C-alpha cells in the first residue's frame, strides 16, 4: 500500500509532464518534473522543505539575537537634540 501512495503521484506527474510537453507547455512540464524530483528526494533522504525552513528561521533568530546583544539600544542618544 505504501508503494502505491509513493509511486502513484510520480506516475501521475510523469503523465502530466508528458501531456504538458505534447501540448506545448514546456514550463508546466518542467514544473511537474521538479515536483517529482522533490517527492523522490524527500522520500529517499527524509529531508523536507519544512525542515529546511525551520533551520533557516532558527539561524536567522540566533543571528538577530547576537546582533541585538552586540548593538544595544541607547535611550539617551534619542533624547539629545540635533545641532
N, C-alpha and C. Protein backbone atom coordinates (compact mmCIF):
# COMPACT_ATOMS: atom_id res chain seq x y z
N UNK A 1 0.82 -1.20 0.00
CA UNK A 1 0.00 0.00 0.00
C UNK A 1 0.86 1.26 0.00
N UNK A 2 1.98 1.18 0.74
CA UNK A 2 2.87 2.34 0.81
C UNK A 2 3.47 2.66 -0.56
N UNK A 3 3.76 1.62 -1.34
CA UNK A 3 4.35 1.88 -2.65
C UNK A 3 3.36 2.55 -3.59
N UNK A 4 2.07 2.24 -3.45
CA UNK A 4 1.08 2.90 -4.30
C UNK A 4 0.96 4.38 -3.96
N UNK A 5 1.07 4.68 -2.66
CA UNK A 5 0.99 6.08 -2.25
C UNK A 5 2.22 6.85 -2.75
N UNK A 6 3.36 6.18 -2.82
CA UNK A 6 4.59 6.82 -3.30
C UNK A 6 4.66 6.86 -4.82
N UNK A 7 4.37 5.75 -5.47
CA UNK A 7 4.52 5.68 -6.92
C UNK A 7 3.35 6.30 -7.68
N UNK A 8 2.18 6.34 -7.07
CA UNK A 8 1.01 6.90 -7.75
C UNK A 8 1.21 8.34 -8.17
N UNK A 9 1.58 9.22 -7.24
CA UNK A 9 1.81 10.62 -7.66
C UNK A 9 2.95 10.78 -8.66
N UNK A 10 3.98 9.92 -8.55
CA UNK A 10 5.08 10.02 -9.52
C UNK A 10 4.62 9.66 -10.93
N UNK A 11 3.80 8.62 -11.04
CA UNK A 11 3.26 8.24 -12.35
C UNK A 11 2.34 9.35 -12.87
N UNK A 12 1.51 9.88 -11.99
CA UNK A 12 0.62 10.97 -12.39
C UNK A 12 1.41 12.18 -12.86
N UNK A 13 2.48 12.53 -12.15
CA UNK A 13 3.31 13.67 -12.56
C UNK A 13 4.02 13.39 -13.89
N UNK A 14 4.44 12.15 -14.10
CA UNK A 14 5.08 11.81 -15.38
C UNK A 14 4.09 11.95 -16.53
N UNK A 15 2.86 11.48 -16.32
CA UNK A 15 1.84 11.61 -17.36
C UNK A 15 1.51 13.08 -17.60
N UNK A 16 1.39 13.85 -16.53
CA UNK A 16 1.12 15.28 -16.68
C UNK A 16 2.25 16.00 -17.41
N UNK A 17 3.51 15.68 -17.05
CA UNK A 17 4.64 16.31 -17.71
C UNK A 17 4.64 15.99 -19.21
N UNK A 18 4.37 14.73 -19.54
CA UNK A 18 4.31 14.34 -20.95
C UNK A 18 3.18 15.07 -21.67
N UNK A 19 2.04 15.15 -21.02
CA UNK A 19 0.88 15.82 -21.62
C UNK A 19 1.15 17.31 -21.81
N UNK A 20 1.74 17.96 -20.80
CA UNK A 20 2.07 19.37 -20.92
C UNK A 20 3.05 19.60 -22.06
N UNK A 21 4.04 18.73 -22.17
CA UNK A 21 5.04 18.89 -23.23
C UNK A 21 4.43 18.70 -24.62
N UNK A 22 3.53 17.74 -24.73
CA UNK A 22 2.89 17.47 -26.02
C UNK A 22 1.99 18.63 -26.45
N UNK A 23 1.42 19.34 -25.48
CA UNK A 23 0.52 20.45 -25.79
C UNK A 23 1.23 21.79 -25.72
N UNK A 24 2.56 21.76 -25.87
CA UNK A 24 3.38 22.96 -25.99
C UNK A 24 3.33 23.85 -24.74
N UNK A 25 3.45 23.23 -23.58
CA UNK A 25 3.56 23.95 -22.31
C UNK A 25 4.82 23.45 -21.59
N UNK A 26 6.00 23.81 -22.10
CA UNK A 26 7.23 23.25 -21.52
C UNK A 26 7.50 23.73 -20.09
N UNK A 27 7.06 24.94 -19.74
CA UNK A 27 7.29 25.43 -18.38
C UNK A 27 6.52 24.59 -17.36
N UNK A 28 5.29 24.24 -17.70
CA UNK A 28 4.50 23.40 -16.79
C UNK A 28 5.07 21.98 -16.73
N UNK A 29 5.60 21.51 -17.86
CA UNK A 29 6.22 20.18 -17.86
C UNK A 29 7.44 20.16 -16.96
N UNK A 30 8.25 21.21 -17.01
CA UNK A 30 9.43 21.30 -16.14
C UNK A 30 9.01 21.39 -14.68
N UNK A 31 7.94 22.14 -14.41
CA UNK A 31 7.43 22.25 -13.04
C UNK A 31 6.98 20.88 -12.52
N UNK A 32 6.28 20.12 -13.34
CA UNK A 32 5.84 18.79 -12.93
C UNK A 32 7.04 17.88 -12.67
N UNK A 33 8.07 17.98 -13.48
CA UNK A 33 9.27 17.18 -13.29
C UNK A 33 9.98 17.57 -11.99
N UNK A 34 10.06 18.87 -11.72
CA UNK A 34 10.70 19.34 -10.49
C UNK A 34 9.93 18.89 -9.24
N UNK A 35 8.62 18.89 -9.31
CA UNK A 35 7.82 18.40 -8.19
C UNK A 35 8.09 16.91 -7.98
N UNK A 36 8.20 16.16 -9.05
CA UNK A 36 8.53 14.74 -8.94
C UNK A 36 9.90 14.52 -8.33
N UNK A 37 10.86 15.34 -8.72
CA UNK A 37 12.21 15.23 -8.14
C UNK A 37 12.17 15.53 -6.65
N UNK A 38 11.39 16.53 -6.25
CA UNK A 38 11.27 16.84 -4.83
C UNK A 38 10.64 15.68 -4.05
N UNK A 39 9.63 15.05 -4.63
CA UNK A 39 8.99 13.91 -3.96
C UNK A 39 10.00 12.78 -3.76
N UNK A 40 10.77 12.47 -4.79
CA UNK A 40 11.77 11.39 -4.67
C UNK A 40 12.84 11.78 -3.65
N UNK A 41 13.32 13.02 -3.70
CA UNK A 41 14.37 13.46 -2.78
C UNK A 41 13.89 13.39 -1.33
N UNK A 42 12.69 13.91 -1.07
CA UNK A 42 12.21 13.92 0.30
C UNK A 42 11.90 12.51 0.80
N UNK A 43 11.51 11.62 -0.10
CA UNK A 43 11.24 10.24 0.31
C UNK A 43 12.53 9.50 0.61
N UNK A 44 13.55 9.72 -0.20
CA UNK A 44 14.81 9.00 -0.01
C UNK A 44 15.63 9.53 1.15
N UNK A 45 15.69 10.83 1.33
CA UNK A 45 16.55 11.40 2.37
C UNK A 45 15.80 11.70 3.66
N UNK A 46 14.52 11.92 3.59
CA UNK A 46 13.76 12.28 4.78
C UNK A 46 13.79 13.76 5.08
N UNK A 47 14.52 14.53 4.28
CA UNK A 47 14.57 15.98 4.46
C UNK A 47 13.42 16.61 3.68
N UNK A 48 12.71 17.52 4.32
CA UNK A 48 11.59 18.18 3.66
C UNK A 48 11.83 19.68 3.61
N UNK A 49 11.00 20.37 2.87
CA UNK A 49 11.10 21.83 2.78
C UNK A 49 10.77 22.47 4.12
N UNK A 50 9.91 21.84 4.90
CA UNK A 50 9.55 22.38 6.22
C UNK A 50 10.75 22.35 7.16
N UNK A 51 11.50 21.25 7.13
CA UNK A 51 12.72 21.18 7.96
C UNK A 51 13.71 22.26 7.55
N UNK A 52 13.88 22.45 6.26
CA UNK A 52 14.80 23.47 5.76
C UNK A 52 14.36 24.86 6.23
N UNK A 53 13.06 25.14 6.11
CA UNK A 53 12.54 26.43 6.55
C UNK A 53 12.76 26.63 8.05
N UNK A 54 12.52 25.59 8.84
CA UNK A 54 12.72 25.70 10.28
C UNK A 54 14.19 25.96 10.63
N UNK A 55 15.10 25.31 9.93
CA UNK A 55 16.53 25.53 10.17
C UNK A 55 16.93 26.97 9.81
N UNK A 56 16.40 27.47 8.70
CA UNK A 56 16.71 28.84 8.29
C UNK A 56 16.16 29.83 9.30
N UNK A 57 14.94 29.62 9.75
CA UNK A 57 14.34 30.54 10.72
C UNK A 57 15.10 30.51 12.05
N UNK A 58 15.54 29.33 12.47
CA UNK A 58 16.31 29.23 13.71
C UNK A 58 17.64 29.97 13.56
N UNK A 59 18.29 29.83 12.42
CA UNK A 59 19.55 30.51 12.17
C UNK A 59 19.37 32.03 12.16
N UNK A 60 18.30 32.50 11.52
CA UNK A 60 18.04 33.94 11.47
C UNK A 60 17.75 34.47 12.88
N UNK A 61 16.99 33.71 13.65
CA UNK A 61 16.67 34.13 15.01
C UNK A 61 17.93 34.21 15.88
N UNK A 62 18.80 33.22 15.76
CA UNK A 62 20.05 33.25 16.53
C UNK A 62 20.92 34.44 16.12
N UNK A 63 21.00 34.71 14.83
CA UNK A 63 21.79 35.83 14.34
C UNK A 63 21.21 37.16 14.82
N UNK A 64 19.90 37.28 14.82
CA UNK A 64 19.26 38.50 15.31
C UNK A 64 19.52 38.69 16.80
N UNK A 65 19.53 37.61 17.55
CA UNK A 65 19.83 37.71 18.98
C UNK A 65 21.25 38.19 19.22
N UNK A 66 22.20 37.67 18.42
CA UNK A 66 23.60 38.12 18.59
C UNK A 66 23.76 39.57 18.20
N UNK A 67 23.10 40.00 17.15
CA UNK A 67 23.19 41.40 16.75
C UNK A 67 22.56 42.29 17.81
N UNK A 68 21.45 41.85 18.39
CA UNK A 68 20.79 42.64 19.43
C UNK A 68 21.67 42.76 20.67
N UNK A 69 22.43 41.72 20.97
CA UNK A 69 23.33 41.78 22.12
C UNK A 69 24.53 42.69 21.84
N UNK A 70 25.01 42.68 20.60
CA UNK A 70 26.19 43.49 20.24
C UNK A 70 25.85 44.97 20.14
N UNK A 71 24.71 45.30 19.61
CA UNK A 71 24.32 46.70 19.42
C UNK A 71 23.14 47.01 20.34
N UNK A 72 23.46 47.46 21.50
CA UNK A 72 22.42 47.74 22.49
C UNK A 72 21.76 49.08 22.20
N UNK A 73 20.52 49.19 22.59
CA UNK A 73 19.73 50.41 22.42
C UNK A 73 20.16 51.44 23.46
N UNK A 74 20.43 52.65 23.00
CA UNK A 74 20.83 53.72 23.91
C UNK A 74 19.72 54.78 23.92
N UNK A 75 18.97 54.82 25.00
CA UNK A 75 17.85 55.75 25.11
C UNK A 75 18.27 57.19 25.23
N UNK A 76 19.48 57.45 25.71
CA UNK A 76 19.94 58.83 25.86
C UNK A 76 20.24 59.48 24.52
N UNK A 77 20.70 58.71 23.57
CA UNK A 77 21.02 59.26 22.25
C UNK A 77 19.77 59.77 21.56
N UNK A 78 18.66 59.15 21.82
CA UNK A 78 17.44 59.53 21.12
C UNK A 78 16.87 60.85 21.66
N UNK A 79 17.16 61.16 22.92
CA UNK A 79 16.62 62.40 23.50
C UNK A 79 17.49 63.61 23.24
N UNK A 80 18.72 63.40 22.81
CA UNK A 80 19.61 64.54 22.53
C UNK A 80 19.14 65.27 21.28
N UNK A 81 19.06 66.58 21.31
CA UNK A 81 18.65 67.33 20.11
C UNK A 81 19.77 67.38 19.08
N UNK A 82 19.38 67.45 17.84
CA UNK A 82 20.36 67.58 16.76
C UNK A 82 20.79 69.03 16.63
N UNK A 83 22.04 69.25 16.33
CA UNK A 83 22.57 70.60 16.18
C UNK A 83 22.62 71.01 14.73
